[in-house]
Amino acid sequence: MIPSDVRIVAVDVHAEATSEKVALGWQLDGRASIVFGTHTHVPTADECILPKGTAYITDLGMTGPYDSVLGRRKNRVMSAMINGVPQTFDVAEGDVRMCGVLVEVEPSAGRAKSIERVCIPSR
């Protein structure tokens, strides 16, 4: 149980299916300050403030190399898919980005005031 004096609540929905994330966002609207999805590594463009004050996004995206297959070396992943032979999926290099959201929350009520998607490339 969350103590009654806790006002700001963040929920990470680590799920594959977008429908599960969307449904949970609606279920938690007004109960959480932010509901954000993870797992698929692909940032979505559906960030919003739900009617009861919860910031929501289906997937934050990933922080890591985008010249890849979900952060892993492309040739290794494609070889495993094509040949059906297990491979070690080494971490890729290049085009590193940090993706996520910036959320402003009203501290006394715990309701989101704004949400902004960010994707910062490496320099």
PDB file of N, CA and C in Angstrom:
ATOM      1  N   MET A   1       0.846  -1.186   0.000  1.00  0.00           N
ATOM      2  CA  MET A   1       0.000   0.000   0.000  1.00  0.00           C
ATOM      3  C   MET A   1       0.887   1.244   0.000  1.00  0.00           C
ATOM      4  N   ILE A   2       0.534   2.201  -0.814  1.00  0.00           N
ATOM      5  CA  ILE A   2       1.278   3.452  -0.887  1.00  0.00           C
ATOM      6  C   ILE A   2       0.821   4.344   0.270  1.00  0.00           C
ATOM      7  N   PRO A   3       1.769   4.867   1.053  1.00  0.00           N
ATOM      8  CA  PRO A   3       1.392   5.751   2.172  1.00  0.00           C
ATOM      9  C   PRO A   3       0.575   6.944   1.691  1.00  0.00           C
ATOM     10  N   SER A   4      -0.324   7.425   2.536  1.00  0.00           N
ATOM     11  CA  SER A   4      -1.246   8.498   2.154  1.00  0.00           C
ATOM     12  C   SER A   4      -0.553   9.824   1.877  1.00  0.00           C
ATOM     13  N   ASP A   5       0.663  10.021   2.405  1.00  0.00           N
ATOM     14  CA  ASP A   5       1.357  11.293   2.178  1.00  0.00           C
ATOM     15  C   ASP A   5       2.145  11.307   0.860  1.00  0.00           C
ATOM     16  N   VAL A   6       2.198  10.185   0.155  1.00  0.00           N
ATOM     17  CA  VAL A   6       2.881  10.128  -1.137  1.00  0.00           C
ATOM     18  C   VAL A   6       1.955  10.716  -2.190  1.00  0.00           C
ATOM     19  N   ARG A   7       2.423  11.744  -2.878  1.00  0.00           N
ATOM     20  CA  ARG A   7       1.596  12.431  -3.869  1.00  0.00           C
ATOM     21  C   ARG A   7       2.000  12.117  -5.307  1.00  0.00           C
ATOM     22  N   ILE A   8       3.288  11.901  -5.541  1.00  0.00           N
ATOM     23  CA  ILE A   8       3.779  11.676  -6.900  1.00  0.00           C
ATOM     24  C   ILE A   8       4.072  10.194  -7.085  1.00  0.00           C
ATOM     25  N   VAL A   9       3.372   9.579  -8.033  1.00  0.00           N
ATOM     26  CA  VAL A   9       3.494   8.146  -8.278  1.00  0.00           C
ATOM     27  C   VAL A   9       3.818   7.934  -9.756  1.00  0.00           C
ATOM     28  N   ALA A  10       4.897   7.199 -10.029  1.00  0.00           N
ATOM     29  CA  ALA A  10       5.288   6.851 -11.399  1.00  0.00           C
ATOM     30  C   ALA A  10       5.132   5.344 -11.578  1.00  0.00           C
ATOM     31  N   VAL A  11       4.513   4.944 -12.677  1.00  0.00           N
ATOM     32  CA  VAL A  11       4.280   3.527 -12.956  1.00  0.00           C
ATOM     33  C   VAL A  11       4.925   3.167 -14.290  1.00  0.00           C
ATOM     34  N   ASP A  12       5.829   2.186 -14.265  1.00  0.00           N
ATOM     35  CA  ASP A  12       6.473   1.646 -15.461  1.00  0.00           C
ATOM     36  C   ASP A  12       5.722   0.382 -15.856  1.00  0.00           C
ATOM     37  N   VAL A  13       5.113   0.401 -17.046  1.00  0.00           N
ATOM     38  CA  VAL A  13       4.389  -0.765 -17.551  1.00  0.00           C
ATOM     39  C   VAL A  13       5.305  -1.469 -18.548  1.00  0.00           C
ATOM     40  N   HIS A  14       5.970  -2.510 -18.075  1.00  0.00           N
ATOM     41  CA  HIS A  14       6.920  -3.247 -18.912  1.00  0.00           C
ATOM     42  C   HIS A  14       6.161  -4.370 -19.599  1.00  0.00           C
ATOM     43  N   ALA A  15       5.646  -4.072 -20.803  1.00  0.00           N
ATOM     44  CA  ALA A  15       4.801  -5.030 -21.511  1.00  0.00           C
ATOM     45  C   ALA A  15       5.083  -4.952 -22.999  1.00  0.00           C
ATOM     46  N   GLU A  16       4.797  -6.038 -23.687  1.00  0.00           N
ATOM     47  CA  GLU A  16       4.969  -6.112 -25.141  1.00  0.00           C
ATOM     48  C   GLU A  16       3.811  -5.453 -25.871  1.00  0.00           C
ATOM     49  N   ALA A  17       2.603  -5.770 -25.466  1.00  0.00           N
ATOM     50  CA  ALA A  17       1.417  -5.326 -26.196  1.00  0.00           C
ATOM     51  C   ALA A  17       1.050  -3.881 -25.847  1.00  0.00           C
ATOM     52  N   THR A  18       0.890  -3.056 -26.874  1.00  0.00           N
ATOM     53  CA  THR A  18       0.499  -1.666 -26.640  1.00  0.00           C
ATOM     54  C   THR A  18      -0.888  -1.593 -26.014  1.00  0.00           C
ATOM     55  N   SER A  19      -1.770  -2.507 -26.349  1.00  0.00           N
ATOM     56  CA  SER A  19      -3.123  -2.475 -25.792  1.00  0.00           C
ATOM     57  C   SER A  19      -3.102  -2.619 -24.269  1.00  0.00           C
ATOM     58  N   GLU A  20      -2.198  -3.442 -23.749  1.00  0.00           N
ATOM     59  CA  GLU A  20      -2.078  -3.592 -22.293  1.00  0.00           C
ATOM     60  C   GLU A  20      -1.637  -2.286 -21.652  1.00  0.00           C
ATOM     61  N   LYS A  21      -0.692  -1.618 -22.290  1.00  0.00           N
ATOM     62  CA  LYS A  21      -0.185  -0.354 -21.750  1.00  0.00           C
ATOM     63  C   LYS A  21      -1.260   0.719 -21.773  1.00  0.00           C
ATOM     64  N   VAL A  22      -1.965   0.835 -22.900  1.00  0.00           N
ATOM     65  CA  VAL A  22      -3.022   1.839 -23.029  1.00  0.00           C
ATOM     66  C   VAL A  22      -4.116   1.588 -21.995  1.00  0.00           C
ATOM     67  N   ALA A  23      -4.557   0.349 -21.857  1.00  0.00           N
ATOM     68  CA  ALA A  23      -5.618   0.014 -20.902  1.00  0.00           C
ATOM     69  C   ALA A  23      -5.203   0.352 -19.474  1.00  0.00           C
ATOM     70  N   LEU A  24      -3.970   0.031 -19.121  1.00  0.00           N
ATOM     71  CA  LEU A  24      -3.517   0.333 -17.762  1.00  0.00           C
ATOM     72  C   LEU A  24      -3.390   1.839 -17.546  1.00  0.00           C
ATOM     73  N   GLY A  25      -2.999   2.570 -18.586  1.00  0.00           N
ATOM     74  CA  GLY A  25      -2.967   4.028 -18.475  1.00  0.00           C
ATOM     75  C   GLY A  25      -4.334   4.578 -18.115  1.00  0.00           C
ATOM     76  N   TRP A  26      -5.368   4.116 -18.798  1.00  0.00           N
ATOM     77  CA  TRP A  26      -6.733   4.563 -18.493  1.00  0.00           C
ATOM     78  C   TRP A  26      -7.165   4.107 -17.100  1.00  0.00           C
ATOM     79  N   GLN A  27      -6.815   2.888 -16.719  1.00  0.00           N
ATOM     80  CA  GLN A  27      -7.188   2.371 -15.390  1.00  0.00           C
ATOM     81  C   GLN A  27      -6.549   3.201 -14.273  1.00  0.00           C
ATOM     82  N   LEU A  28      -5.325   3.671 -14.492  1.00  0.00           N
ATOM     83  CA  LEU A  28      -4.593   4.409 -13.453  1.00  0.00           C
ATOM     84  C   LEU A  28      -4.737   5.923 -13.562  1.00  0.00           C
ATOM     85  N   ASP A  29      -5.530   6.410 -14.548  1.00  0.00           N
ATOM     86  CA  ASP A  29      -5.729   7.850 -14.689  1.00  0.00           C
ATOM     87  C   ASP A  29      -6.299   8.424 -13.394  1.00  0.00           C
ATOM     88  N   GLY A  30      -5.599   9.409 -12.838  1.00  0.00           N
ATOM     89  CA  GLY A  30      -6.009  10.016 -11.572  1.00  0.00           C
ATOM     90  C   GLY A  30      -5.441   9.330 -10.349  1.00  0.00           C
ATOM     91  N   ARG A  31      -4.883   8.140 -10.519  1.00  0.00           N
ATOM     92  CA  ARG A  31      -4.267   7.409  -9.398  1.00  0.00           C
ATOM     93  C   ARG A  31      -2.747   7.499  -9.428  1.00  0.00           C
ATOM     94  N   ALA A  32      -2.192   7.735 -10.623  1.00  0.00           N
ATOM     95  CA  ALA A  32      -0.739   7.854 -10.787  1.00  0.00           C
ATOM     96  C   ALA A  32      -0.439   9.195 -11.447  1.00  0.00           C
ATOM     97  N   SER A  33       0.739   9.735 -11.174  1.00  0.00           N
ATOM     98  CA  SER A  33       1.166  10.988 -11.795  1.00  0.00           C
ATOM     99  C   SER A  33       1.580  10.749 -13.236  1.00  0.00           C
ATOM    100  N   ILE A  34       2.269   9.624 -13.463  1.00  0.00           N
ATOM    101  CA  ILE A  34       2.701   9.259 -14.811  1.00  0.00           C
ATOM    102  C   ILE A  34       2.654   7.747 -14.965  1.00  0.00           C
ATOM    103  N   VAL A  35       2.198   7.323 -16.134  1.00  0.00           N
ATOM    104  CA  VAL A  35       2.239   5.917 -16.538  1.00  0.00           C
ATOM    105  C   VAL A  35       3.007   5.891 -17.848  1.00  0.00           C
ATOM    106  N   PHE A  36       4.118   5.154 -17.850  1.00  0.00           N
ATOM    107  CA  PHE A  36       4.924   5.071 -19.065  1.00  0.00           C
ATOM    108  C   PHE A  36       5.241   3.623 -19.375  1.00  0.00           C
ATOM    109  N   GLY A  37       5.193   3.315 -20.664  1.00  0.00           N
ATOM    110  CA  GLY A  37       5.496   1.965 -21.104  1.00  0.00           C
ATOM    111  C   GLY A  37       6.959   1.812 -21.459  1.00  0.00           C
ATOM    112  N   THR A  38       7.436   0.589 -21.272  1.00  0.00           N
ATOM    113  CA  THR A  38       8.791   0.209 -21.669  1.00  0.00           C
ATOM    114  C   THR A  38       8.714  -1.180 -22.290  1.00  0.00           C
ATOM    115  N   HIS A  39       9.804  -1.665 -22.768  1.00  0.00           N
ATOM    116  CA  HIS A  39      10.040  -3.019 -23.260  1.00  0.00           C
ATOM    117  C   HIS A  39      10.257  -3.078 -24.766  1.00  0.00           C
ATOM    118  N   THR A  40       9.492  -2.351 -25.562  1.00  0.00           N
ATOM    119  CA  THR A  40       9.614  -2.513 -27.003  1.00  0.00           C
ATOM    120  C   THR A  40      10.776  -1.728 -27.592  1.00  0.00           C
ATOM    121  N   HIS A  41      11.353  -0.790 -26.847  1.00  0.00           N
ATOM    122  CA  HIS A  41      12.520  -0.008 -27.256  1.00  0.00           C
ATOM    123  C   HIS A  41      12.224   0.998 -28.358  1.00  0.00           C
ATOM    124  N   VAL A  42      10.972   1.148 -28.745  1.00  0.00           N
ATOM    125  CA  VAL A  42      10.615   2.058 -29.831  1.00  0.00           C
ATOM    126  C   VAL A  42       9.751   3.180 -29.248  1.00  0.00           C
ATOM    127  N   PRO A  43      10.241   4.426 -29.293  1.00  0.00           N
ATOM    128  CA  PRO A  43       9.444   5.509 -28.707  1.00  0.00           C
ATOM    129  C   PRO A  43       8.156   5.744 -29.491  1.00  0.00           C
ATOM    130  N   THR A  44       7.071   5.934 -28.754  1.00  0.00           N
ATOM    131  CA  THR A  44       5.786   6.221 -29.380  1.00  0.00           C
ATOM    132  C   THR A  44       5.522   7.727 -29.332  1.00  0.00           C
ATOM    133  N   ALA A  45       4.608   8.178 -30.166  1.00  0.00           N
ATOM    134  CA  ALA A  45       4.305   9.610 -30.272  1.00  0.00           C
ATOM    135  C   ALA A  45       2.913   9.903 -29.724  1.00  0.00           C
ATOM    136  N   ASP A  46       2.551   9.257 -28.613  1.00  0.00           N
ATOM    137  CA  ASP A  46       1.206   9.414 -28.064  1.00  0.00           C
ATOM    138  C   ASP A  46       1.199  10.007 -26.660  1.00  0.00           C
ATOM    139  N   GLU A  47       2.252  10.753 -26.328  1.00  0.00           N
ATOM    140  CA  GLU A  47       2.302  11.343 -24.998  1.00  0.00           C
ATOM    141  C   GLU A  47       1.136  12.311 -24.814  1.00  0.00           C
ATOM    142  N   CYS A  48       0.521  12.267 -23.615  1.00  0.00           N
ATOM    143  CA  CYS A  48      -0.635  13.123 -23.348  1.00  0.00           C
ATOM    144  C   CYS A  48      -0.873  13.206 -21.844  1.00  0.00           C
ATOM    145  N   ILE A  49      -1.735  14.124 -21.477  1.00  0.00           N
ATOM    146  CA  ILE A  49      -2.247  14.183 -20.112  1.00  0.00           C
ATOM    147  C   ILE A  49      -3.671  13.648 -20.190  1.00  0.00           C
ATOM    148  N   LEU A  50      -3.934  12.563 -19.490  1.00  0.00           N
ATOM    149  CA  LEU A  50      -5.270  11.965 -19.484  1.00  0.00           C
ATOM    150  C   LEU A  50      -6.232  12.856 -18.678  1.00  0.00           C
ATOM    151  N   PRO A  51      -7.542  12.682 -18.830  1.00  0.00           N
ATOM    152  CA  PRO A  51      -8.520  13.601 -18.239  1.00  0.00           C
ATOM    153  C   PRO A  51      -8.413  13.831 -16.730  1.00  0.00           C
ATOM    154  N   LYS A  52      -7.977  12.823 -15.977  1.00  0.00           N
ATOM    155  CA  LYS A  52      -7.901  12.976 -14.518  1.00  0.00           C
ATOM    156  C   LYS A  52      -6.504  13.370 -14.040  1.00  0.00           C
ATOM    157  N   GLY A  53      -5.602  13.736 -14.990  1.00  0.00           N
ATOM    158  CA  GLY A  53      -4.313  14.305 -14.602  1.00  0.00           C
ATOM    159  C   GLY A  53      -3.106  13.391 -14.631  1.00  0.00           C
ATOM    160  N   THR A  54      -3.209  12.257 -15.276  1.00  0.00           N
ATOM    161  CA  THR A  54      -2.065  11.348 -15.388  1.00  0.00           C
ATOM    162  C   THR A  54      -1.359  11.572 -16.720  1.00  0.00           C
ATOM    163  N   ALA A  55      -0.041  11.790 -16.663  1.00  0.00           N
ATOM    164  CA  ALA A  55       0.761  11.857 -17.885  1.00  0.00           C
ATOM    165  C   ALA A  55       0.920  10.422 -18.392  1.00  0.00           C
ATOM    166  N   TYR A  56       0.848  10.249 -19.710  1.00  0.00           N
ATOM    167  CA  TYR A  56       0.883   8.908 -20.282  1.00  0.00           C
ATOM    168  C   TYR A  56       1.688   8.892 -21.572  1.00  0.00           C
ATOM    169  N   ILE A  57       2.458   7.800 -21.779  1.00  0.00           N
ATOM    170  CA  ILE A  57       3.080   7.493 -23.066  1.00  0.00           C
ATOM    171  C   ILE A  57       3.183   5.968 -23.156  1.00  0.00           C
ATOM    172  N   THR A  58       2.894   5.424 -24.333  1.00  0.00           N
ATOM    173  CA  THR A  58       2.892   3.972 -24.502  1.00  0.00           C
ATOM    174  C   THR A  58       4.291   3.375 -24.402  1.00  0.00           C
ATOM    175  N   ASP A  59       5.308   4.029 -24.963  1.00  0.00           N
ATOM    176  CA  ASP A  59       6.678   3.535 -24.812  1.00  0.00           C
ATOM    177  C   ASP A  59       7.675   4.684 -24.865  1.00  0.00           C
ATOM    178  N   LEU A  60       8.582   4.693 -23.899  1.00  0.00           N
ATOM    179  CA  LEU A  60       9.610   5.734 -23.812  1.00  0.00           C
ATOM    180  C   LEU A  60      10.656   5.623 -24.908  1.00  0.00           C
ATOM    181  N   GLY A  61      10.837   4.439 -25.439  1.00  0.00           N
ATOM    182  CA  GLY A  61      11.961   4.200 -26.337  1.00  0.00           C
ATOM    183  C   GLY A  61      13.124   3.679 -25.517  1.00  0.00           C
ATOM    184  N   MET A  62      14.296   3.687 -26.112  1.00  0.00           N
ATOM    185  CA  MET A  62      15.453   3.139 -25.394  1.00  0.00           C
ATOM    186  C   MET A  62      16.565   4.161 -25.321  1.00  0.00           C
ATOM    187  N   THR A  63      17.468   3.903 -24.420  1.00  0.00           N
ATOM    188  CA  THR A  63      18.723   4.636 -24.378  1.00  0.00           C
ATOM    189  C   THR A  63      19.783   3.642 -24.809  1.00  0.00           C
ATOM    190  N   GLY A  64      20.405   3.940 -25.947  1.00  0.00           N
ATOM    191  CA  GLY A  64      21.399   3.016 -26.483  1.00  0.00           C
ATOM    192  C   GLY A  64      21.606   3.252 -27.960  1.00  0.00           C
ATOM    193  N   PRO A  65      22.289   2.312 -28.618  1.00  0.00           N
ATOM    194  CA  PRO A  65      22.617   2.461 -30.035  1.00  0.00           C
ATOM    195  C   PRO A  65      21.419   2.165 -30.948  1.00  0.00           C
ATOM    196  N   TYR A  66      21.032   3.147 -31.745  1.00  0.00           N
ATOM    197  CA  TYR A  66      19.891   2.987 -32.647  1.00  0.00           C
ATOM    198  C   TYR A  66      20.292   2.362 -33.984  1.00  0.00           C
ATOM    199  N   ASP A  67      21.594   2.319 -34.312  1.00  0.00           N
ATOM    200  CA  ASP A  67      22.062   1.622 -35.510  1.00  0.00           C
ATOM    201  C   ASP A  67      22.174   0.149 -35.128  1.00  0.00           C
ATOM    202  N   SER A  68      21.011  -0.483 -34.917  1.00  0.00           N
ATOM    203  CA  SER A  68      20.989  -1.795 -34.289  1.00  0.00           C
ATOM    204  C   SER A  68      19.621  -2.451 -34.459  1.00  0.00           C
ATOM    205  N   VAL A  69      19.489  -3.617 -33.868  1.00  0.00           N
ATOM    206  CA  VAL A  69      18.195  -4.257 -33.675  1.00  0.00           C
ATOM    207  C   VAL A  69      17.970  -4.262 -32.169  1.00  0.00           C
ATOM    208  N   LEU A  70      17.175  -3.329 -31.714  1.00  0.00           N
ATOM    209  CA  LEU A  70      16.886  -3.161 -30.285  1.00  0.00           C
ATOM    210  C   LEU A  70      18.157  -3.108 -29.418  1.00  0.00           C
ATOM    211  N   GLY A  71      19.169  -2.417 -29.936  1.00  0.00           N
ATOM    212  CA  GLY A  71      20.398  -2.223 -29.172  1.00  0.00           C
ATOM    213  C   GLY A  71      21.463  -3.289 -29.385  1.00  0.00           C
ATOM    214  N   ARG A  72      21.167  -4.273 -30.190  1.00  0.00           N
ATOM    215  CA  ARG A  72      22.123  -5.365 -30.447  1.00  0.00           C
ATOM    216  C   ARG A  72      22.634  -5.297 -31.876  1.00  0.00           C
ATOM    217  N   ARG A  73      23.828  -5.872 -32.110  1.00  0.00           N
ATOM    218  CA  ARG A  73      24.425  -5.844 -33.452  1.00  0.00           C
ATOM    219  C   ARG A  73      23.489  -6.486 -34.470  1.00  0.00           C
ATOM    220  N   LYS A  74      23.219  -5.757 -35.548  1.00  0.00           N
ATOM    221  CA  LYS A  74      22.251  -6.196 -36.567  1.00  0.00           C
ATOM    222  C   LYS A  74      22.614  -7.543 -37.164  1.00  0.00           C
ATOM    223  N   ASN A  75      23.888  -7.727 -37.543  1.00  0.00           N
ATOM    224  CA  ASN A  75      24.267  -8.967 -38.222  1.00  0.00           C
ATOM    225  C   ASN A  75      24.025 -10.193 -37.349  1.00  0.00           C
ATOM    226  N   ARG A  76      24.253 -10.083 -36.052  1.00  0.00           N
ATOM    227  CA  ARG A  76      24.042 -11.220 -35.144  1.00  0.00           C
ATOM    228  C   ARG A  76      22.559 -11.570 -35.023  1.00  0.00           C
ATOM    229  N   VAL A  77      21.743 -10.557 -34.861  1.00  0.00           N
ATOM    230  CA  VAL A  77      20.306 -10.796 -34.706  1.00  0.00           C
ATOM    231  C   VAL A  77      19.718 -11.358 -35.996  1.00  0.00           C
ATOM    232  N   MET A  78      20.072 -10.759 -37.131  1.00  0.00           N
ATOM    233  CA  MET A  78      19.542 -11.231 -38.414  1.00  0.00           C
ATOM    234  C   MET A  78      20.005 -12.646 -38.718  1.00  0.00           C
ATOM    235  N   SER A  79      21.248 -12.982 -38.388  1.00  0.00           N
ATOM    236  CA  SER A  79      21.746 -14.338 -38.617  1.00  0.00           C
ATOM    237  C   SER A  79      20.943 -15.354 -37.812  1.00  0.00           C
ATOM    238  N   ALA A  80      20.672 -15.033 -36.561  1.00  0.00           N
ATOM    239  CA  ALA A  80      19.891 -15.947 -35.719  1.00  0.00           C
ATOM    240  C   ALA A  80      18.479 -16.116 -36.269  1.00  0.00           C
ATOM    241  N   MET A  81      17.886 -15.037 -36.759  1.00  0.00           N
ATOM    242  CA  MET A  81      16.524 -15.114 -37.308  1.00  0.00           C
ATOM    243  C   MET A  81      16.483 -15.904 -38.610  1.00  0.00           C
ATOM    244  N   ILE A  82      17.447 -15.662 -39.472  1.00  0.00           N
ATOM    245  CA  ILE A  82      17.456 -16.298 -40.796  1.00  0.00           C
ATOM    246  C   ILE A  82      17.848 -17.764 -40.717  1.00  0.00           C
ATOM    247  N   ASN A  83      18.878 -18.072 -39.927  1.00  0.00           N
ATOM    248  CA  ASN A  83      19.417 -19.431 -39.881  1.00  0.00           C
ATOM    249  C   ASN A  83      18.848 -20.298 -38.766  1.00  0.00           C
ATOM    250  N   GLY A  84      18.175 -19.687 -37.803  1.00  0.00           N
ATOM    251  CA  GLY A  84      17.624 -20.453 -36.694  1.00  0.00           C
ATOM    252  C   GLY A  84      18.682 -20.993 -35.755  1.00  0.00           C
ATOM    253  N   VAL A  85      19.893 -20.430 -35.827  1.00  0.00           N
ATOM    254  CA  VAL A  85      20.984 -20.869 -34.962  1.00  0.00           C
ATOM    255  C   VAL A  85      21.212 -19.786 -33.900  1.00  0.00           C
ATOM    256  N   PRO A  86      21.184 -20.162 -32.636  1.00  0.00           N
ATOM    257  CA  PRO A  86      21.383 -19.159 -31.588  1.00  0.00           C
ATOM    258  C   PRO A  86      22.715 -18.420 -31.747  1.00  0.00           C
ATOM    259  N   GLN A  87      22.695 -17.153 -31.443  1.00  0.00           N
ATOM    260  CA  GLN A  87      23.873 -16.293 -31.515  1.00  0.00           C
ATOM    261  C   GLN A  87      23.985 -15.516 -30.207  1.00  0.00           C
ATOM    262  N   THR A  88      25.185 -15.078 -29.901  1.00  0.00           N
ATOM    263  CA  THR A  88      25.363 -14.117 -28.822  1.00  0.00           C
ATOM    264  C   THR A  88      25.010 -12.756 -29.390  1.00  0.00           C
ATOM    265  N   PHE A  89      24.081 -12.059 -28.756  1.00  0.00           N
ATOM    266  CA  PHE A  89      23.654 -10.755 -29.241  1.00  0.00           C
ATOM    267  C   PHE A  89      24.485  -9.673 -28.565  1.00  0.00           C
ATOM    268  N   ASP A  90      25.626  -9.352 -29.194  1.00  0.00           N
ATOM    269  CA  ASP A  90      26.517  -8.324 -28.666  1.00  0.00           C
ATOM    270  C   ASP A  90      25.867  -6.957 -28.778  1.00  0.00           C
ATOM    271  N   VAL A  91      26.217  -6.076 -27.846  1.00  0.00           N
ATOM    272  CA  VAL A  91      25.700  -4.708 -27.874  1.00  0.00           C
ATOM    273  C   VAL A  91      26.276  -3.982 -29.089  1.00  0.00           C
ATOM    274  N   ALA A  92      25.417  -3.290 -29.808  1.00  0.00           N
ATOM    275  CA  ALA A  92      25.823  -2.539 -30.993  1.00  0.00           C
ATOM    276  C   ALA A  92      26.537  -1.250 -30.591  1.00  0.00           C
ATOM    277  N   GLU A  93      27.109  -0.615 -31.589  1.00  0.00           N
ATOM    278  CA  GLU A  93      27.750   0.679 -31.387  1.00  0.00           C
ATOM    279  C   GLU A  93      27.235   1.627 -32.457  1.00  0.00           C
ATOM    280  N   GLY A  94      27.268   2.898 -32.186  1.00  0.00           N
ATOM    281  CA  GLY A  94      26.896   3.905 -33.170  1.00  0.00           C
ATOM    282  C   GLY A  94      25.487   4.418 -32.994  1.00  0.00           C
ATOM    283  N   ASP A  95      25.293   5.684 -33.325  1.00  0.00           N
ATOM    284  CA  ASP A  95      24.010   6.381 -33.251  1.00  0.00           C
ATOM    285  C   ASP A  95      23.347   6.188 -31.891  1.00  0.00           C
ATOM    286  N   VAL A  96      24.108   6.477 -30.841  1.00  0.00           N
ATOM    287  CA  VAL A  96      23.590   6.324 -29.481  1.00  0.00           C
ATOM    288  C   VAL A  96      22.649   7.492 -29.172  1.00  0.00           C
ATOM    289  N   ARG A  97      21.504   7.164 -28.598  1.00  0.00           N
ATOM    290  CA  ARG A  97      20.511   8.169 -28.227  1.00  0.00           C
ATOM    291  C   ARG A  97      19.974   7.888 -26.833  1.00  0.00           C
ATOM    292  N   MET A  98      19.509   8.933 -26.183  1.00  0.00           N
ATOM    293  CA  MET A  98      18.829   8.790 -24.902  1.00  0.00           C
ATOM    294  C   MET A  98      17.396   9.263 -25.103  1.00  0.00           C
ATOM    295  N   CYS A  99      16.452   8.364 -24.953  1.00  0.00           N
ATOM    296  CA  CYS A  99      15.048   8.698 -25.158  1.00  0.00           C
ATOM    297  C   CYS A  99      14.277   8.589 -23.853  1.00  0.00           C
ATOM    298  N   GLY A 100      13.230   9.370 -23.751  1.00  0.00           N
ATOM    299  CA  GLY A 100      12.390   9.352 -22.563  1.00  0.00           C
ATOM    300  C   GLY A 100      11.378  10.471 -22.608  1.00  0.00           C
ATOM    301  N   VAL A 101      10.910  10.891 -21.444  1.00  0.00           N
ATOM    302  CA  VAL A 101       9.976  12.008 -21.335  1.00  0.00           C
ATOM    303  C   VAL A 101      10.375  12.902 -20.169  1.00  0.00           C
ATOM    304  N   LEU A 102      10.002  14.156 -20.280  1.00  0.00           N
ATOM    305  CA  LEU A 102      10.087  15.109 -19.172  1.00  0.00           C
ATOM    306  C   LEU A 102       8.655  15.384 -18.745  1.00  0.00           C
ATOM    307  N   VAL A 103       8.383  15.196 -17.480  1.00  0.00           N
ATOM    308  CA  VAL A 103       7.030  15.403 -16.961  1.00  0.00           C
ATOM    309  C   VAL A 103       7.092  16.410 -15.822  1.00  0.00           C
ATOM    310  N   GLU A 104       6.234  17.413 -15.886  1.00  0.00           N
ATOM    311  CA  GLU A 104       6.094  18.361 -14.785  1.00  0.00           C
ATOM    312  C   GLU A 104       4.848  17.965 -14.006  1.00  0.00           C
ATOM    313  N   VAL A 105       5.032  17.802 -12.687  1.00  0.00           N
ATOM    314  CA  VAL A 105       3.934  17.358 -11.822  1.00  0.00           C
ATOM    315  C   VAL A 105       3.680  18.412 -10.755  1.00  0.00           C
ATOM    316  N   GLU A 106       2.419  18.713 -10.507  1.00  0.00           N
ATOM    317  CA  GLU A 106       2.033  19.624  -9.427  1.00  0.00           C
ATOM    318  C   GLU A 106       2.216  18.841  -8.127  1.00  0.00           C
ATOM    319  N   PRO A 107       3.166  19.252  -7.267  1.00  0.00           N
ATOM    320  CA  PRO A 107       3.562  18.412  -6.133  1.00  0.00           C
ATOM    321  C   PRO A 107       2.489  18.144  -5.073  1.00  0.00           C
ATOM    322  N   SER A 108       1.611  19.084  -4.785  1.00  0.00           N
ATOM    323  CA  SER A 108       0.648  18.848  -3.705  1.00  0.00           C
ATOM    324  C   SER A 108      -0.467  17.881  -4.112  1.00  0.00           C
ATOM    325  N   ALA A 109      -0.861  17.906  -5.387  1.00  0.00           N
ATOM    326  CA  ALA A 109      -1.934  17.015  -5.842  1.00  0.00           C
ATOM    327  C   ALA A 109      -1.403  15.789  -6.574  1.00  0.00           C
ATOM    328  N   GLY A 110      -0.146  15.862  -7.062  1.00  0.00           N
ATOM    329  CA  GLY A 110       0.420  14.731  -7.797  1.00  0.00           C
ATOM    330  C   GLY A 110      -0.120  14.598  -9.201  1.00  0.00           C
ATOM    331  N   ARG A 111      -0.725  15.647  -9.730  1.00  0.00           N
ATOM    332  CA  ARG A 111      -1.276  15.612 -11.083  1.00  0.00           C
ATOM    333  C   ARG A 111      -0.276  16.194 -12.068  1.00  0.00           C
ATOM    334  N   ALA A 112      -0.191  15.594 -13.235  1.00  0.00           N
ATOM    335  CA  ALA A 112       0.746  16.056 -14.257  1.00  0.00           C
ATOM    336  C   ALA A 112       0.262  17.369 -14.861  1.00  0.00           C
ATOM    337  N   LYS A 113       1.213  18.266 -15.091  1.00  0.00           N
ATOM    338  CA  LYS A 113       0.916  19.536 -15.753  1.00  0.00           C
ATOM    339  C   LYS A 113       1.365  19.511 -17.214  1.00  0.00           C
ATOM    340  N   SER A 114       2.422  18.753 -17.495  1.00  0.00           N
ATOM    341  CA  SER A 114       2.921  18.669 -18.864  1.00  0.00           C
ATOM    342  C   SER A 114       3.732  17.392 -19.046  1.00  0.00           C
ATOM    343  N   ILE A 115       3.833  16.974 -20.290  1.00  0.00           N
ATOM    344  CA  ILE A 115       4.682  15.841 -20.662  1.00  0.00           C
ATOM    345  C   ILE A 115       5.305  16.172 -22.017  1.00  0.00           C
ATOM    346  N   GLU A 116       6.606  15.938 -22.128  1.00  0.00           N
ATOM    347  CA  GLU A 116       7.328  16.217 -23.367  1.00  0.00           C
ATOM    348  C   GLU A 116       8.249  15.050 -23.692  1.00  0.00           C
ATOM    349  N   ARG A 117       8.100  14.524 -24.887  1.00  0.00           N
ATOM    350  CA  ARG A 117       8.958  13.434 -25.358  1.00  0.00           C
ATOM    351  C   ARG A 117      10.318  14.010 -25.717  1.00  0.00           C
ATOM    352  N   VAL A 118      11.400  13.295 -25.366  1.00  0.00           N
ATOM    353  CA  VAL A 118      12.754  13.736 -25.693  1.00  0.00           C
ATOM    354  C   VAL A 118      13.530  12.601 -26.333  1.00  0.00           C
ATOM    355  N   CYS A 119      14.408  12.964 -27.261  1.00  0.00           N
ATOM    356  CA  CYS A 119      15.341  12.012 -27.850  1.00  0.00           C
ATOM    357  C   CYS A 119      16.624  12.798 -28.092  1.00  0.00           C
ATOM    358  N   ILE A 120      17.641  12.501 -27.324  1.00  0.00           N
ATOM    359  CA  ILE A 120      18.892  13.247 -27.362  1.00  0.00           C
ATOM    360  C   ILE A 120      19.951  12.397 -28.041  1.00  0.00           C
ATOM    361  N   PRO A 121      20.457  12.842 -29.202  1.00  0.00           N
ATOM    362  CA  PRO A 121      21.505  12.075 -29.894  1.00  0.00           C
ATOM    363  C   PRO A 121      22.861  12.263 -29.232  1.00  0.00           C
ATOM    364  N   SER A 122      23.753  11.316 -29.452  1.00  0.00           N
ATOM    365  CA  SER A 122      25.124  11.473 -28.936  1.00  0.00           C
ATOM    366  C   SER A 122      25.800  12.571 -29.729  1.00  0.00           C
ATOM    367  N   ARG A 123      26.800  13.136 -29.155  1.00  0.00           N
ATOM    368  CA  ARG A 123      27.515  14.236 -29.818  1.00  0.00           C
ATOM    369  C   ARG A 123      28.764  13.740 -30.480  1.00  0.00           C
TER     370      ARG A 123
END
